[in-house]
Amino acid sequence: MNTMWMTLSETVLIECEQSADEGRDVKGFLDEASLILENFRAGQLREEDAKRLIGRIRNAPVSRDYPYHEPSGLEEIRAARPKARGGEDARKPARDAYYDKVYGAWLGRCAGCLLGQPVEGWYSQRILGMLKDTGNYPVGKYLASNVGEETRKKYRITDEGHVYGSNQINWINNVSCMPEDDDTNYTILYLKILETYGRGFTSENVAEGWLMNVPIYHVCTAERVAYMNLVNRVLPPLSGSYYNAYREWIGAQIRADFFGYINPGDTETAAEYAWRDARISHVKNGIYGEMFAAAMIARAAVSGDVRDVIERGLGEIPEKSRLAEGVQKVLGWHEEGASWEDALSKIHAVYNEKNPHHWCHTISNAMICTAALLWGGGDLEKTIGISVCAGFDTDCNAATTGSIAGVMAGASALSEKWIRPLNNRVKSGIDGFGLTEISELAERTVVQAFK
């Protein structure tokens, strides 16, 4: 039985890193945490020891000179936003015109996810080496496994794998639609939740939607812990922090898109809807990541300026947060005239892709998304290509940035080479949405946007 992300013993060192990020001194806990993790890897669970240790780590005091202000409550988050955040945009698109944008967003999200999915978990040098050796750098097409035996052996390329019940890896030569992925499952799920509960949906409604519609093995890291918490009657918002070492990982950030789609121009409402969702499984920067992404998508629906889109996203999260600091660094590198390769190198200098806590963290991946958007300049191919070249969470980042580039451009402006292979279909694990036309999802999204 697969118990990944379901034991406390496997999280103790990640809890140390996460608590250190939050300003706690964890040096005195590292030896004990390492021993528990060593036993776990040897097949020996020490759950009670892990539980006690995590309690001690979480109770360690936060340093008095900790420079960040990172609340998790909605009103506190709003109070901590930049003062000059900009007002809402009254230019809500016409309904007919908005369908093209929403369809573009769904297609862009699927295209980005499909591009990044086969190399999820690869380190960046392996990705870049394969791209260069196959004449696909900078990225100009989907990734294929039929690249010759020498290249397959050099980069350990295989067609066999186990992803959401499939026994093959989703290289472009193996698919005829957008295969199932959590990045698209969540977007479809939130369409269903809005259709069921309406705009007054609560965090409890979303939690119910998870348990009713998504098998537990189709969710990962923070979501899997939150899922177990919900089953054990630990309700939001405690479900997001209760023994959840992954509480600032990327999971919430990949769930943002639908909330942006249905609030074109209204970054504040998009961010609020994202907050209602994120608090089920995350705290602090984990929540901000979803609010940031939802707000960017909402702004992208009415703006053709990538920097404006990013700055409006920043306008919905605390100014003195680690996420805002990381995104501002990327904006600064762009202003200084750095190349996108330079920007990605700078991110790698701060975050170690071989460290799971760095690889899967909200901030490292949000910085990659920011870089891809800035240097991609609104072009879908450039944007999702840079996202994948960065490594880290390739399918998540390319899906998020593809969504933004797609809504900015609209479906009618997207290149057929990225759209045709999807065959207008997406497979999901959401109850009632087995294999669905992407255009139908777009039509139903527009209905929600104009309610």
Protein backbone atom coordinates (compact mmCIF):
# COMPACT_ATOMS: atom_id res chain seq x y z
CA MET A 1 0.00 0.00 0.00
CA ASN A 2 1.28 3.45 -0.92
CA THR A 3 1.57 5.50 2.29
CA MET A 4 3.50 8.44 0.81
CA TRP A 5 2.56 11.74 2.52
CA MET A 6 0.53 9.80 5.09
CA THR A 7 2.95 9.33 8.01
CA LEU A 8 4.44 11.77 10.49
CA SER A 9 7.81 10.01 10.48
CA GLU A 10 8.52 11.04 6.89
CA THR A 11 7.81 14.72 7.62
CA VAL A 12 10.06 15.48 10.59
CA LEU A 13 12.97 17.02 8.66
CA ILE A 14 10.57 18.92 6.40
CA GLU A 15 8.87 20.24 9.55
CA CYS A 16 12.28 21.46 10.73
CA GLU A 17 12.83 23.30 7.44
CA GLN A 18 9.32 24.72 7.38
CA SER A 19 9.52 25.91 10.98
CA ALA A 20 12.92 27.48 10.30
CA ASP A 21 11.33 29.35 7.39
CA GLU A 22 8.73 30.63 9.85
CA GLY A 23 11.45 32.05 12.10
CA ARG A 24 12.00 29.28 14.65
CA ASP A 25 15.40 28.00 15.80
CA VAL A 26 15.32 24.28 14.96
CA LYS A 27 19.01 23.36 15.24
CA GLY A 28 18.42 21.44 18.48
CA PHE A 29 15.88 19.16 16.82
CA LEU A 30 17.81 18.10 13.72
CA ASP A 31 19.60 15.04 15.11
CA GLU A 32 16.42 13.52 16.50
CA ALA A 33 14.52 14.31 13.30
CA SER A 34 17.24 12.71 11.19
CA LEU A 35 17.13 9.53 13.30
CA ILE A 36 13.35 9.22 12.98
CA LEU A 37 13.60 9.72 9.22
CA GLU A 38 16.41 7.16 8.98
CA ASN A 39 14.24 4.61 10.77
CA PHE A 40 11.32 5.45 8.49
CA ARG A 41 13.44 4.78 5.42
CA ALA A 42 14.42 1.45 6.95
CA GLY A 43 10.74 0.55 7.30
CA GLN A 44 10.42 1.34 11.01
CA LEU A 45 7.69 3.85 11.88
CA ARG A 46 8.15 5.90 15.04
CA GLU A 47 4.91 7.85 14.83
CA GLU A 48 4.55 8.71 18.52
CA ASP A 49 8.15 9.94 18.68
CA ALA A 50 7.57 11.95 15.50
CA LYS A 51 4.36 13.46 16.88
CA ARG A 52 6.04 14.56 20.09
CA LEU A 53 9.00 16.01 18.20
CA ILE A 54 6.78 17.95 15.80
CA GLY A 55 4.92 19.40 18.77
CA ARG A 56 8.19 20.61 20.30
CA ILE A 57 9.34 22.08 16.98
CA ARG A 58 6.06 23.93 16.43
CA ASN A 59 6.18 25.31 20.00
CA ALA A 60 9.68 26.76 19.59
CA PRO A 61 9.55 30.57 19.83
CA VAL A 62 9.75 32.74 16.73
CA SER A 63 12.79 35.00 16.65
CA ARG A 64 12.07 38.56 17.77
CA ASP A 65 13.86 39.97 14.73
CA TYR A 66 11.91 37.85 12.23
CA PRO A 67 11.28 40.42 9.46
CA TYR A 68 8.07 39.10 7.87
CA HIS A 69 4.39 39.66 8.65
CA GLU A 70 2.41 36.67 7.40
CA PRO A 71 -1.15 36.26 8.68
CA SER A 72 -3.51 33.57 7.41
CA GLY A 73 -6.88 35.24 8.10
CA LEU A 74 -8.56 37.07 5.22
CA GLU A 75 -9.03 40.43 6.91
CA GLU A 76 -5.50 40.36 8.29
CA ILE A 77 -4.15 39.52 4.84
CA ARG A 78 -6.08 42.41 3.31
CA ALA A 79 -4.77 44.79 5.96
CA ALA A 80 -1.20 43.70 5.15
CA ARG A 81 -1.48 44.33 1.38
CA PRO A 82 0.50 47.12 -0.30
CA LYS A 83 -1.20 50.48 0.18
CA ALA A 84 -0.83 51.41 -3.50
CA ARG A 85 -2.33 48.21 -4.85
CA GLY A 86 -4.58 49.73 -7.53
CA GLY A 87 -8.36 49.67 -7.79
CA GLU A 88 -10.53 47.12 -9.49
CA ASP A 89 -11.01 47.29 -13.24
CA ALA A 90 -14.57 48.03 -14.28
CA ARG A 91 -13.95 46.83 -17.86
CA LYS A 92 -15.61 43.45 -17.56
CA PRO A 93 -15.33 41.84 -21.00
CA ALA A 94 -18.39 41.27 -23.14
CA ARG A 95 -19.76 37.77 -22.66
CA ASP A 96 -19.18 36.60 -26.25
CA ALA A 97 -15.62 37.93 -26.31
CA TYR A 98 -14.89 36.43 -22.93
CA TYR A 99 -15.60 32.90 -24.12
CA ASP A 100 -12.56 33.11 -26.40
CA LYS A 101 -10.41 34.23 -23.48
CA VAL A 102 -11.67 31.53 -21.12
CA TYR A 103 -11.28 28.87 -23.78
CA GLY A 104 -7.74 30.13 -24.31
CA ALA A 105 -7.08 29.87 -20.58
CA TRP A 106 -8.29 26.26 -20.41
CA LEU A 107 -6.29 25.34 -23.52
CA GLY A 108 -3.18 27.15 -22.26
CA ARG A 109 -3.42 25.39 -18.92
CA CYS A 110 -3.76 21.99 -20.57
CA ALA A 111 -0.93 22.69 -23.04
CA GLY A 112 1.46 23.82 -20.33
CA CYS A 113 0.60 20.88 -18.11
CA LEU A 114 1.07 18.40 -20.97
CA LEU A 115 4.42 19.94 -21.88
CA GLY A 116 5.76 19.68 -18.34
CA GLN A 117 4.18 16.41 -17.26
CA PRO A 118 6.69 13.90 -18.75
CA VAL A 119 9.67 15.57 -17.06
CA GLU A 120 8.08 16.30 -13.69
CA GLY A 121 10.65 15.25 -11.11
CA TRP A 122 13.63 15.63 -13.47
CA TYR A 123 16.40 17.97 -12.40
CA SER A 124 17.01 20.96 -14.62
CA GLN A 125 20.29 19.83 -16.19
CA ARG A 126 18.68 16.59 -17.34
CA ILE A 127 15.79 18.55 -18.87
CA LEU A 128 18.06 21.07 -20.56
CA GLY A 129 20.38 18.35 -21.87
CA MET A 130 17.51 16.44 -23.44
CA LEU A 131 16.02 19.60 -24.95
CA LYS A 132 19.31 20.60 -26.52
CA ASP A 133 20.15 17.12 -27.78
CA THR A 134 16.73 16.83 -29.44
CA GLY A 135 16.85 20.28 -31.07
CA ASN A 136 14.10 21.65 -28.84
CA TYR A 137 15.90 24.50 -27.05
CA PRO A 138 14.40 27.03 -26.65
CA VAL A 139 11.25 24.94 -26.44
CA GLY A 140 9.27 24.94 -29.68
CA LYS A 141 7.25 21.73 -29.47
CA TYR A 142 5.92 19.11 -27.09
CA LEU A 143 8.31 16.53 -25.62
CA ALA A 144 8.47 13.11 -27.25
CA SER A 145 9.98 9.80 -26.22
CA ASN A 146 10.63 8.52 -29.76
CA VAL A 147 13.97 10.33 -29.96
CA GLY A 148 16.35 7.49 -30.78
CA GLU A 149 17.79 4.80 -28.57
CA GLU A 150 21.01 6.65 -27.75
CA THR A 151 19.15 9.71 -26.46
CA ARG A 152 16.63 7.56 -24.60
CA LYS A 153 19.45 5.75 -22.81
CA LYS A 154 21.42 8.92 -22.06
CA TYR A 155 18.45 10.64 -20.40
CA ARG A 156 16.79 7.49 -19.01
CA ILE A 157 13.66 8.10 -21.08
CA THR A 158 10.95 5.51 -20.63
CA ASP A 159 7.36 5.20 -21.72
CA GLU A 160 6.30 3.17 -18.71
CA GLY A 161 5.06 4.78 -15.54
CA HIS A 162 2.11 4.90 -13.18
CA VAL A 163 0.33 8.25 -13.26
CA TYR A 164 -3.33 8.43 -12.16
CA GLY A 165 -4.02 4.83 -13.11
CA SER A 166 -2.23 4.99 -16.46
CA ASN A 167 0.68 2.68 -17.20
CA GLN A 168 2.43 5.07 -19.59
CA ILE A 169 4.22 8.40 -19.32
CA ASN A 170 2.46 11.14 -21.21
CA TRP A 171 4.98 12.06 -23.90
CA ILE A 172 3.23 13.67 -26.85
CA ASN A 173 3.55 10.49 -28.94
CA ASN A 174 1.58 8.57 -26.30
CA VAL A 175 -1.51 10.76 -25.95
CA SER A 176 -4.61 11.76 -27.89
CA CYS A 177 -6.05 14.22 -25.36
CA MET A 178 -5.02 16.02 -22.20
CA PRO A 179 -4.38 13.15 -19.77
CA GLU A 180 -5.47 13.32 -16.17
CA ASP A 181 -3.39 15.49 -13.86
CA ASP A 182 -4.05 17.12 -10.51
CA ASP A 183 -3.43 20.51 -12.15
CA THR A 184 -6.51 20.04 -14.31
CA ASN A 185 -8.50 17.95 -11.82
CA TYR A 186 -8.72 20.88 -9.41
CA THR A 187 -9.78 23.34 -12.11
CA ILE A 188 -12.59 21.00 -13.13
CA LEU A 189 -13.53 20.31 -9.51
CA TYR A 190 -14.02 24.00 -8.76
CA LEU A 191 -16.30 24.36 -11.77
CA LYS A 192 -18.41 21.61 -10.21
CA ILE A 193 -18.28 23.24 -6.77
CA LEU A 194 -19.40 26.63 -8.13
CA GLU A 195 -22.19 24.97 -10.07
CA THR A 196 -23.26 23.17 -6.89
CA TYR A 197 -22.87 25.80 -4.17
CA GLY A 198 -22.73 29.10 -6.07
CA ARG A 199 -20.56 32.12 -5.30
CA GLY A 200 -21.37 31.93 -1.62
CA PHE A 201 -19.43 28.67 -1.30
CA THR A 202 -17.47 28.16 1.92
CA SER A 203 -14.28 26.36 2.82
CA GLU A 204 -16.46 23.61 4.27
CA ASN A 205 -18.26 23.27 0.92
CA VAL A 206 -14.92 22.85 -0.83
CA ALA A 207 -13.81 20.27 1.73
CA GLU A 208 -17.03 18.37 1.14
CA GLY A 209 -16.39 18.60 -2.60
CA TRP A 210 -12.96 17.03 -2.14
CA LEU A 211 -14.31 14.11 -0.15
CA MET A 212 -17.25 13.56 -2.50
CA ASN A 213 -15.41 13.82 -5.80
CA VAL A 214 -11.66 13.16 -5.51
CA PRO A 215 -10.00 9.87 -4.46
CA ILE A 216 -7.33 10.43 -1.82
CA TYR A 217 -4.55 9.01 -4.00
CA HIS A 218 -5.31 11.67 -6.61
CA VAL A 219 -4.13 14.40 -4.22
CA CYS A 220 -0.60 14.97 -2.97
CA THR A 221 1.49 16.40 -0.11
CA ALA A 222 -0.46 19.10 1.81
CA GLU A 223 -3.74 18.06 0.21
CA ARG A 224 -3.30 14.43 1.25
CA VAL A 225 -2.60 15.44 4.84
CA ALA A 226 -5.59 17.81 4.81
CA TYR A 227 -7.75 15.06 3.31
CA MET A 228 -6.84 12.74 6.19
CA ASN A 229 -7.52 15.55 8.65
CA LEU A 230 -10.96 16.13 7.16
CA VAL A 231 -11.81 12.43 7.36
CA ASN A 232 -10.83 12.57 11.04
CA ARG A 233 -13.11 15.58 11.59
CA VAL A 234 -10.33 18.16 11.75
CA LEU A 235 -12.12 20.94 9.90
CA PRO A 236 -10.88 24.11 8.13
CA PRO A 237 -8.83 26.06 8.88
CA LEU A 238 -7.13 23.66 11.33
CA SER A 239 -7.10 21.01 8.59
CA GLY A 240 -4.44 23.08 6.82
CA SER A 241 -1.94 23.18 9.67
CA TYR A 242 -2.61 20.15 11.89
CA TYR A 243 0.58 18.05 11.60
CA ASN A 244 0.95 19.33 8.04
CA ALA A 245 4.62 19.90 7.26
CA TYR A 246 3.70 20.65 3.62
CA ARG A 247 1.59 23.69 4.57
CA GLU A 248 3.54 26.10 2.37
CA TRP A 249 4.13 23.78 -0.58
CA ILE A 250 2.77 24.44 -4.07
CA GLY A 251 -0.52 22.53 -3.79
CA ALA A 252 -2.82 25.49 -3.23
CA GLN A 253 -1.14 27.58 -5.93
CA ILE A 254 -2.12 25.02 -8.58
CA ARG A 255 -5.78 25.21 -7.50
CA ALA A 256 -6.21 28.92 -8.23
CA ASP A 257 -7.18 29.13 -11.86
CA PHE A 258 -10.95 28.75 -11.87
CA PHE A 259 -11.32 31.53 -9.31
CA GLY A 260 -9.50 33.87 -11.67
CA TYR A 261 -11.51 32.72 -14.69
CA ILE A 262 -14.84 33.65 -13.13
CA ASN A 263 -13.76 37.07 -11.84
CA PRO A 264 -12.30 38.90 -14.87
CA GLY A 265 -10.78 42.18 -13.72
CA ASP A 266 -11.79 41.63 -10.08
CA THR A 267 -8.55 40.62 -8.41
CA GLU A 268 -9.88 41.04 -4.88
CA THR A 269 -12.79 38.64 -5.31
CA ALA A 270 -10.61 36.14 -7.18
CA ALA A 271 -8.12 36.24 -4.30
CA GLU A 272 -10.89 35.87 -1.71
CA TYR A 273 -12.26 32.78 -3.44
CA ALA A 274 -8.73 31.38 -3.56
CA TRP A 275 -8.34 32.06 0.17
CA ARG A 276 -11.55 30.15 0.93
CA ASP A 277 -10.00 27.17 -0.85
CA ALA A 278 -6.35 27.43 0.22
CA ARG A 279 -7.00 27.54 3.96
CA ILE A 280 -8.23 23.93 3.83
CA SER A 281 -4.68 22.69 3.32
CA HIS A 282 -2.25 25.59 3.71
CA VAL A 283 -1.18 28.58 5.80
CA LYS A 284 0.70 31.82 5.18
CA ASN A 285 2.65 31.72 1.89
CA GLY A 286 0.87 28.54 0.87
CA ILE A 287 -2.36 30.55 0.95
CA TYR A 288 -0.77 33.60 -0.67
CA GLY A 289 0.43 31.52 -3.62
CA GLU A 290 -3.14 30.66 -4.56
CA MET A 291 -4.35 34.21 -3.98
CA PHE A 292 -1.48 35.59 -6.10
CA ALA A 293 -2.16 33.21 -8.99
CA ALA A 294 -5.95 33.74 -8.94
CA ALA A 295 -5.52 37.52 -8.90
CA MET A 296 -3.04 37.42 -11.78
CA ILE A 297 -5.44 35.38 -13.89
CA ALA A 298 -8.32 37.73 -13.11
CA ARG A 299 -6.18 40.70 -14.13
CA ALA A 300 -4.84 38.95 -17.24
CA ALA A 301 -8.42 38.69 -18.50
CA VAL A 302 -8.52 42.48 -18.93
CA SER A 303 -4.86 43.48 -19.27
CA GLY A 304 -2.27 42.92 -21.99
CA ASP A 305 0.65 44.02 -19.78
CA VAL A 306 2.45 41.12 -18.07
CA ARG A 307 4.14 43.31 -15.47
CA ASP A 308 0.79 44.88 -14.59
CA VAL A 309 -0.67 41.38 -14.19
CA ILE A 310 2.08 40.38 -11.76
CA GLU A 311 1.90 43.62 -9.78
CA ARG A 312 -1.87 43.31 -9.42
CA GLY A 313 -1.33 39.77 -8.16
CA LEU A 314 1.11 41.11 -5.58
CA GLY A 315 -1.49 43.67 -4.61
CA GLU A 316 -3.64 40.94 -3.04
CA ILE A 317 -1.03 39.42 -0.70
CA PRO A 318 0.90 40.76 2.31
CA GLU A 319 3.61 43.18 1.29
CA LYS A 320 6.01 41.91 3.98
CA SER A 321 5.73 38.22 3.09
CA ARG A 322 8.44 35.93 1.82
CA LEU A 323 6.43 35.30 -1.34
CA ALA A 324 6.15 39.01 -2.15
CA GLU A 325 9.89 39.39 -1.49
CA GLY A 326 10.73 36.55 -3.89
CA VAL A 327 8.51 37.86 -6.68
CA GLN A 328 9.92 41.37 -6.27
CA LYS A 329 13.43 39.97 -6.72
CA VAL A 330 12.44 38.50 -10.09
CA LEU A 331 10.83 41.77 -11.14
CA GLY A 332 14.10 43.50 -10.24
CA TRP A 333 16.20 41.10 -12.31
CA HIS A 334 13.97 41.78 -15.29
CA GLU A 335 14.31 45.53 -14.83
CA GLU A 336 18.10 45.15 -14.68
CA GLY A 337 18.12 43.48 -18.10
CA ALA A 338 19.03 39.95 -17.05
CA SER A 339 18.21 37.11 -19.46
CA TRP A 340 15.68 34.46 -18.53
CA GLU A 341 18.53 31.96 -18.24
CA ASP A 342 20.19 34.30 -15.73
CA ALA A 343 16.95 34.60 -13.79
CA LEU A 344 16.52 30.85 -13.55
CA SER A 345 20.14 30.47 -12.43
CA LYS A 346 19.53 33.01 -9.67
CA ILE A 347 16.48 31.06 -8.47
CA HIS A 348 18.55 27.86 -8.45
CA ALA A 349 21.20 29.65 -6.40
CA VAL A 350 18.62 30.30 -3.66
CA TYR A 351 16.59 27.09 -3.87
CA ASN A 352 18.15 23.63 -4.15
CA GLU A 353 16.07 21.54 -6.56
CA LYS A 354 17.43 18.36 -4.93
CA ASN A 355 15.84 19.37 -1.63
CA PRO A 356 12.14 18.32 -1.71
CA HIS A 357 11.15 21.26 0.51
CA HIS A 358 12.67 23.68 -1.99
CA TRP A 359 11.55 21.75 -5.08
CA CYS A 360 7.90 21.75 -4.07
CA HIS A 361 7.65 25.04 -2.16
CA THR A 362 5.22 27.78 -3.17
CA ILE A 363 7.84 30.53 -3.28
CA SER A 364 10.46 28.85 -5.47
CA ASN A 365 7.82 27.86 -7.99
CA ALA A 366 6.04 31.24 -7.87
CA MET A 367 9.37 32.87 -8.70
CA ILE A 368 9.72 30.54 -11.69
CA CYS A 369 6.20 31.43 -12.82
CA THR A 370 7.03 35.12 -12.49
CA ALA A 371 10.18 34.73 -14.57
CA ALA A 372 8.36 32.72 -17.25
CA LEU A 373 5.63 35.34 -17.49
CA LEU A 374 8.03 38.30 -17.66
CA TRP A 375 10.43 36.88 -20.21
CA GLY A 376 7.64 35.07 -22.04
CA GLY A 377 5.95 38.40 -22.65
CA GLY A 378 2.48 36.90 -23.04
CA ASP A 379 3.53 34.40 -25.73
CA LEU A 380 2.27 30.92 -24.80
CA GLU A 381 5.19 29.01 -26.32
CA LYS A 382 7.90 31.13 -24.71
CA THR A 383 6.11 31.23 -21.39
CA ILE A 384 5.49 27.53 -20.90
CA GLY A 385 8.89 26.72 -22.42
CA ILE A 386 10.74 28.81 -19.83
CA SER A 387 8.59 27.27 -17.09
CA VAL A 388 9.73 23.78 -18.07
CA CYS A 389 13.39 24.73 -18.60
CA ALA A 390 13.51 25.84 -14.96
CA GLY A 391 12.94 22.37 -13.61
CA PHE A 392 11.28 22.19 -10.19
CA ASP A 393 7.52 21.49 -10.53
CA THR A 394 7.43 21.60 -14.32
CA ASP A 395 3.84 20.64 -15.04
CA CYS A 396 2.38 22.83 -12.29
CA ASN A 397 4.32 25.92 -13.31
CA ALA A 398 3.73 25.52 -17.03
CA ALA A 399 0.02 24.95 -16.36
CA THR A 400 -0.27 28.12 -14.27
CA THR A 401 1.67 30.30 -16.69
CA GLY A 402 -0.06 28.69 -19.67
CA SER A 403 -3.37 29.63 -18.13
CA ILE A 404 -2.31 33.27 -17.84
CA ALA A 405 -0.81 33.46 -21.34
CA GLY A 406 -3.90 31.70 -22.70
CA VAL A 407 -6.39 34.09 -21.15
CA MET A 408 -4.37 37.10 -22.29
CA ALA A 409 -4.23 35.89 -25.90
CA GLY A 410 -7.56 34.10 -26.25
CA ALA A 411 -8.05 30.74 -27.95
CA SER A 412 -8.26 32.17 -31.45
CA ALA A 413 -4.69 33.52 -31.19
CA LEU A 414 -3.04 30.31 -29.93
CA SER A 415 -0.83 28.29 -32.26
CA GLU A 416 -2.33 25.07 -33.59
CA LYS A 417 0.84 23.12 -32.79
CA TRP A 418 0.07 23.52 -29.09
CA ILE A 419 -3.69 23.14 -29.33
CA ARG A 420 -4.34 20.46 -31.96
CA PRO A 421 -2.75 17.55 -30.01
CA LEU A 422 -5.24 18.13 -27.17
CA ASN A 423 -8.11 17.25 -29.53
CA ASN A 424 -10.32 19.52 -27.40
CA ARG A 425 -10.55 16.85 -24.70
CA VAL A 426 -9.35 16.51 -21.13
CA LYS A 427 -9.52 13.41 -18.96
CA SER A 428 -10.10 13.82 -15.23
CA GLY A 429 -10.59 11.86 -12.05
CA ILE A 430 -13.41 14.14 -10.89
CA ASP A 431 -16.71 12.37 -10.43
CA GLY A 432 -18.93 13.08 -13.44
CA PHE A 433 -16.11 14.40 -15.62
CA GLY A 434 -14.40 11.39 -17.16
CA LEU A 435 -13.49 12.63 -20.64
CA THR A 436 -14.83 16.12 -21.32
CA GLU A 437 -14.55 18.59 -24.17
CA ILE A 438 -12.44 21.57 -23.17
CA SER A 439 -14.78 23.89 -25.07
CA GLU A 440 -17.67 22.66 -22.90
CA LEU A 441 -15.68 23.48 -19.75
CA ALA A 442 -15.06 26.96 -21.16
CA GLU A 443 -18.77 27.47 -21.92
CA ARG A 444 -19.75 26.42 -18.39
CA THR A 445 -17.06 28.68 -16.95
CA VAL A 446 -18.46 31.70 -18.79
CA VAL A 447 -21.88 30.97 -17.27
CA GLN A 448 -20.30 31.18 -13.80
CA ALA A 449 -18.36 34.33 -14.68
CA PHE A 450 -21.53 36.21 -15.61
CA LYS A 451 -23.78 35.04 -12.77
